[in-house]
Amino acid sequence: MKKLTLTAAALGLVFGATPALAEHHETPELREVDWYRVQFIKWKSGKAARAHEIISMFEKVDKALGWNDVIDFHMGTGGWDSIVGMKMRKGIASMGWKSNPDGEKWDAEFARQVGGEDKAKALFAEFDDCIQEQRTEIGHIDTNE
């Protein structure tokens, strides 16, 4: 009987307190952050110079589109040769898109600058061939602190 009374009291506290907790519920405030796709790259031996030539082509595309939000670290220590942060302009939600409008715009400008889609594909293939190892992560920078 004592056990039943304690259980009933505990349930009363839990269920009786629920409306009181709901009354004081506040909508959580979202942090303002910039989301980045971060690539860690190890170049194949002898391929870093060519990779950076192609990267300079990529940078010209960004400049033509008015984008200046890539962070590119040339590493002097550690296991990676380059670490590149590319801002996700539409935030983390852009990961769910079937196709990214910014990516399509970038691809079209790159193809225009290098002389067509076939040349663009060949440059991407050559760039990929420069990579020994690559890992991609997602991270953010707080903007409202």
C-alpha atoms as a PDB file:
ATOM      1  CA  MET A   1       0.000   0.000   0.000  1.00  0.00           C
ATOM      2  CA  LYS A   2       2.844   2.356   0.895  1.00  0.00           C
ATOM      3  CA  LYS A   3       4.455   1.613  -2.485  1.00  0.00           C
ATOM      4  CA  LEU A   4       1.203   2.399  -4.314  1.00  0.00           C
ATOM      5  CA  THR A   5       0.838   5.712  -2.450  1.00  0.00           C
ATOM      6  CA  LEU A   6       4.418   6.753  -3.306  1.00  0.00           C
ATOM      7  CA  THR A   7       3.931   5.820  -6.978  1.00  0.00           C
ATOM      8  CA  ALA A   8       0.677   7.800  -7.122  1.00  0.00           C
ATOM      9  CA  ALA A   9       2.370  10.810  -5.506  1.00  0.00           C
ATOM     10  CA  ALA A  10       5.277  10.639  -7.938  1.00  0.00           C
ATOM     11  CA  LEU A  11       2.952  10.419 -10.922  1.00  0.00           C
ATOM     12  CA  GLY A  12       0.973  13.357  -9.571  1.00  0.00           C
ATOM     13  CA  LEU A  13       4.143  15.420  -9.371  1.00  0.00           C
ATOM     14  CA  VAL A  14       5.193  14.514 -12.889  1.00  0.00           C
ATOM     15  CA  PHE A  15       1.849  14.932 -14.589  1.00  0.00           C
ATOM     16  CA  GLY A  16       0.673  17.731 -12.327  1.00  0.00           C
ATOM     17  CA  ALA A  17       3.864  19.737 -13.007  1.00  0.00           C
ATOM     18  CA  THR A  18       3.642  19.396 -16.779  1.00  0.00           C
ATOM     19  CA  PRO A  19       1.160  22.262 -17.354  1.00  0.00           C
ATOM     20  CA  ALA A  20       3.189  24.517 -15.073  1.00  0.00           C
ATOM     21  CA  LEU A  21       6.355  23.746 -17.049  1.00  0.00           C
ATOM     22  CA  ALA A  22       4.566  24.368 -20.336  1.00  0.00           C
ATOM     23  CA  GLU A  23       3.395  27.798 -19.145  1.00  0.00           C
ATOM     24  CA  HIS A  24       7.001  28.901 -18.575  1.00  0.00           C
ATOM     25  CA  HIS A  25       8.333  27.423 -21.814  1.00  0.00           C
ATOM     26  CA  GLU A  26      10.290  29.923 -23.860  1.00  0.00           C
ATOM     27  CA  THR A  27      11.079  29.604 -27.540  1.00  0.00           C
ATOM     28  CA  PRO A  28      14.784  28.826 -27.778  1.00  0.00           C
ATOM     29  CA  GLU A  29      16.863  31.468 -29.501  1.00  0.00           C
ATOM     30  CA  LEU A  30      18.927  30.257 -32.425  1.00  0.00           C
ATOM     31  CA  ARG A  31      22.567  31.225 -32.651  1.00  0.00           C
ATOM     32  CA  GLU A  32      23.632  33.151 -35.713  1.00  0.00           C
ATOM     33  CA  VAL A  33      26.301  31.115 -37.453  1.00  0.00           C
ATOM     34  CA  ASP A  34      27.966  30.826 -40.843  1.00  0.00           C
ATOM     35  CA  TRP A  35      28.181  27.195 -41.957  1.00  0.00           C
ATOM     36  CA  TYR A  36      31.232  25.910 -43.852  1.00  0.00           C
ATOM     37  CA  ARG A  37      32.110  22.779 -45.773  1.00  0.00           C
ATOM     38  CA  VAL A  38      35.710  22.130 -44.712  1.00  0.00           C
ATOM     39  CA  GLN A  39      37.987  19.995 -46.881  1.00  0.00           C
ATOM     40  CA  PHE A  40      41.200  18.459 -45.618  1.00  0.00           C
ATOM     41  CA  ILE A  41      43.502  17.625 -48.545  1.00  0.00           C
ATOM     42  CA  LYS A  42      46.747  15.686 -48.928  1.00  0.00           C
ATOM     43  CA  TRP A  43      48.293  16.200 -52.392  1.00  0.00           C
ATOM     44  CA  LYS A  44      50.000  13.447 -54.365  1.00  0.00           C
ATOM     45  CA  SER A  45      53.756  13.836 -54.559  1.00  0.00           C
ATOM     46  CA  GLY A  46      54.678  16.444 -57.167  1.00  0.00           C
ATOM     47  CA  LYS A  47      51.059  17.483 -57.798  1.00  0.00           C
ATOM     48  CA  ALA A  48      50.625  20.399 -55.366  1.00  0.00           C
ATOM     49  CA  ALA A  49      51.824  23.071 -57.810  1.00  0.00           C
ATOM     50  CA  ARG A  50      49.366  21.983 -60.517  1.00  0.00           C
ATOM     51  CA  ALA A  51      46.564  21.714 -57.979  1.00  0.00           C
ATOM     52  CA  HIS A  52      47.196  25.314 -56.899  1.00  0.00           C
ATOM     53  CA  GLU A  53      47.204  26.463 -60.553  1.00  0.00           C
ATOM     54  CA  ILE A  54      43.723  24.972 -60.912  1.00  0.00           C
ATOM     55  CA  ILE A  55      42.679  26.466 -57.573  1.00  0.00           C
ATOM     56  CA  SER A  56      43.664  29.903 -58.923  1.00  0.00           C
ATOM     57  CA  MET A  57      41.157  29.235 -61.752  1.00  0.00           C
ATOM     58  CA  PHE A  58      38.528  28.424 -59.122  1.00  0.00           C
ATOM     59  CA  GLU A  59      39.331  31.701 -57.333  1.00  0.00           C
ATOM     60  CA  LYS A  60      38.746  33.654 -60.569  1.00  0.00           C
ATOM     61  CA  VAL A  61      35.261  32.158 -60.759  1.00  0.00           C
ATOM     62  CA  ASP A  62      34.530  33.218 -57.178  1.00  0.00           C
ATOM     63  CA  LYS A  63      35.766  36.733 -57.966  1.00  0.00           C
ATOM     64  CA  ALA A  64      33.601  36.951 -61.105  1.00  0.00           C
ATOM     65  CA  LEU A  65      30.556  35.976 -59.025  1.00  0.00           C
ATOM     66  CA  GLY A  66      31.424  38.481 -56.293  1.00  0.00           C
ATOM     67  CA  TRP A  67      32.133  35.758 -53.740  1.00  0.00           C
ATOM     68  CA  ASN A  68      34.993  36.187 -51.306  1.00  0.00           C
ATOM     69  CA  ASP A  69      34.268  33.690 -48.568  1.00  0.00           C
ATOM     70  CA  VAL A  70      36.658  30.773 -49.059  1.00  0.00           C
ATOM     71  CA  ILE A  71      39.242  30.226 -46.332  1.00  0.00           C
ATOM     72  CA  ASP A  72      42.327  28.456 -47.703  1.00  0.00           C
ATOM     73  CA  PHE A  73      45.068  27.279 -45.354  1.00  0.00           C
ATOM     74  CA  HIS A  74      48.376  26.021 -46.763  1.00  0.00           C
ATOM     75  CA  MET A  75      49.522  23.838 -43.904  1.00  0.00           C
ATOM     76  CA  GLY A  76      53.107  23.803 -42.632  1.00  0.00           C
ATOM     77  CA  THR A  77      52.639  21.004 -40.117  1.00  0.00           C
ATOM     78  CA  GLY A  78      50.319  18.087 -39.549  1.00  0.00           C
ATOM     79  CA  GLY A  79      48.919  15.426 -41.814  1.00  0.00           C
ATOM     80  CA  TRP A  80      47.160  17.677 -44.341  1.00  0.00           C
ATOM     81  CA  ASP A  81      48.686  19.884 -47.034  1.00  0.00           C
ATOM     82  CA  SER A  82      45.647  22.145 -47.419  1.00  0.00           C
ATOM     83  CA  ILE A  83      42.539  22.875 -45.397  1.00  0.00           C
ATOM     84  CA  VAL A  84      39.834  24.788 -47.261  1.00  0.00           C
ATOM     85  CA  GLY A  85      36.646  26.205 -45.765  1.00  0.00           C
ATOM     86  CA  MET A  86      33.880  27.015 -48.253  1.00  0.00           C
ATOM     87  CA  LYS A  87      30.948  28.985 -46.904  1.00  0.00           C
ATOM     88  CA  MET A  88      27.552  27.381 -47.335  1.00  0.00           C
ATOM     89  CA  ARG A  89      25.798  30.571 -48.473  1.00  0.00           C
ATOM     90  CA  LYS A  90      22.298  29.218 -47.815  1.00  0.00           C
ATOM     91  CA  GLY A  91      23.302  27.695 -44.484  1.00  0.00           C
ATOM     92  CA  ILE A  92      23.114  24.125 -43.286  1.00  0.00           C
ATOM     93  CA  ALA A  93      19.762  23.599 -45.039  1.00  0.00           C
ATOM     94  CA  SER A  94      21.545  23.616 -48.398  1.00  0.00           C
ATOM     95  CA  MET A  95      22.776  20.090 -47.624  1.00  0.00           C
ATOM     96  CA  GLY A  96      19.249  18.824 -48.298  1.00  0.00           C
ATOM     97  CA  TRP A  97      18.933  20.275 -51.785  1.00  0.00           C
ATOM     98  CA  LYS A  98      18.890  18.015 -54.824  1.00  0.00           C
ATOM     99  CA  SER A  99      20.810  20.713 -56.671  1.00  0.00           C
ATOM    100  CA  ASN A 100      22.352  23.850 -55.238  1.00  0.00           C
ATOM    101  CA  PRO A 101      21.597  27.040 -57.213  1.00  0.00           C
ATOM    102  CA  ASP A 102      24.928  28.569 -56.126  1.00  0.00           C
ATOM    103  CA  GLY A 103      26.760  25.464 -57.308  1.00  0.00           C
ATOM    104  CA  GLU A 104      24.994  25.549 -60.655  1.00  0.00           C
ATOM    105  CA  LYS A 105      25.872  29.230 -61.064  1.00  0.00           C
ATOM    106  CA  TRP A 106      29.510  28.492 -60.158  1.00  0.00           C
ATOM    107  CA  ASP A 107      29.733  25.535 -62.577  1.00  0.00           C
ATOM    108  CA  ALA A 108      28.313  27.622 -65.433  1.00  0.00           C
ATOM    109  CA  GLU A 109      30.795  30.452 -64.813  1.00  0.00           C
ATOM    110  CA  PHE A 110      33.715  28.031 -64.561  1.00  0.00           C
ATOM    111  CA  ALA A 111      32.747  26.398 -67.874  1.00  0.00           C
ATOM    112  CA  ARG A 112      32.427  29.833 -69.473  1.00  0.00           C
ATOM    113  CA  GLN A 113      35.869  30.909 -68.237  1.00  0.00           C
ATOM    114  CA  VAL A 114      37.745  27.755 -69.295  1.00  0.00           C
ATOM    115  CA  GLY A 115      36.107  27.331 -72.701  1.00  0.00           C
ATOM    116  CA  GLY A 116      33.194  24.952 -72.218  1.00  0.00           C
ATOM    117  CA  GLU A 117      31.815  22.081 -70.194  1.00  0.00           C
ATOM    118  CA  ASP A 118      34.209  19.488 -71.629  1.00  0.00           C
ATOM    119  CA  LYS A 119      37.244  21.563 -70.632  1.00  0.00           C
ATOM    120  CA  ALA A 120      35.727  22.178 -67.193  1.00  0.00           C
ATOM    121  CA  LYS A 121      35.186  18.422 -66.684  1.00  0.00           C
ATOM    122  CA  ALA A 122      38.757  17.711 -67.798  1.00  0.00           C
ATOM    123  CA  LEU A 123      40.130  20.275 -65.314  1.00  0.00           C
ATOM    124  CA  PHE A 124      38.060  18.781 -62.490  1.00  0.00           C
ATOM    125  CA  ALA A 125      39.362  15.318 -63.384  1.00  0.00           C
ATOM    126  CA  GLU A 126      42.934  16.641 -63.433  1.00  0.00           C
ATOM    127  CA  PHE A 127      42.372  18.360 -60.073  1.00  0.00           C
ATOM    128  CA  ASP A 128      40.958  15.153 -58.570  1.00  0.00           C
ATOM    129  CA  ASP A 129      44.022  13.297 -59.844  1.00  0.00           C
ATOM    130  CA  CYS A 130      46.216  15.648 -57.762  1.00  0.00           C
ATOM    131  CA  ILE A 131      44.563  14.465 -54.547  1.00  0.00           C
ATOM    132  CA  GLN A 132      46.054  11.598 -52.578  1.00  0.00           C
ATOM    133  CA  GLU A 133      43.559  11.802 -49.728  1.00  0.00           C
ATOM    134  CA  GLN A 134      40.629  14.053 -48.897  1.00  0.00           C
ATOM    135  CA  ARG A 135      38.126  14.344 -46.065  1.00  0.00           C
ATOM    136  CA  THR A 136      35.150  16.694 -45.872  1.00  0.00           C
ATOM    137  CA  GLU A 137      33.597  17.947 -42.634  1.00  0.00           C
ATOM    138  CA  ILE A 138      30.921  20.516 -41.785  1.00  0.00           C
ATOM    139  CA  GLY A 139      31.542  23.272 -39.243  1.00  0.00           C
ATOM    140  CA  HIS A 140      30.429  26.763 -38.325  1.00  0.00           C
ATOM    141  CA  ILE A 141      31.650  30.145 -37.151  1.00  0.00           C
ATOM    142  CA  ASP A 142      29.499  31.977 -34.604  1.00  0.00           C
ATOM    143  CA  THR A 143      28.569  35.422 -35.897  1.00  0.00           C
ATOM    144  CA  ASN A 144      26.603  36.897 -32.980  1.00  0.00           C
ATOM    145  CA  GLU A 145      28.997  36.556 -30.072  1.00  0.00           C
END
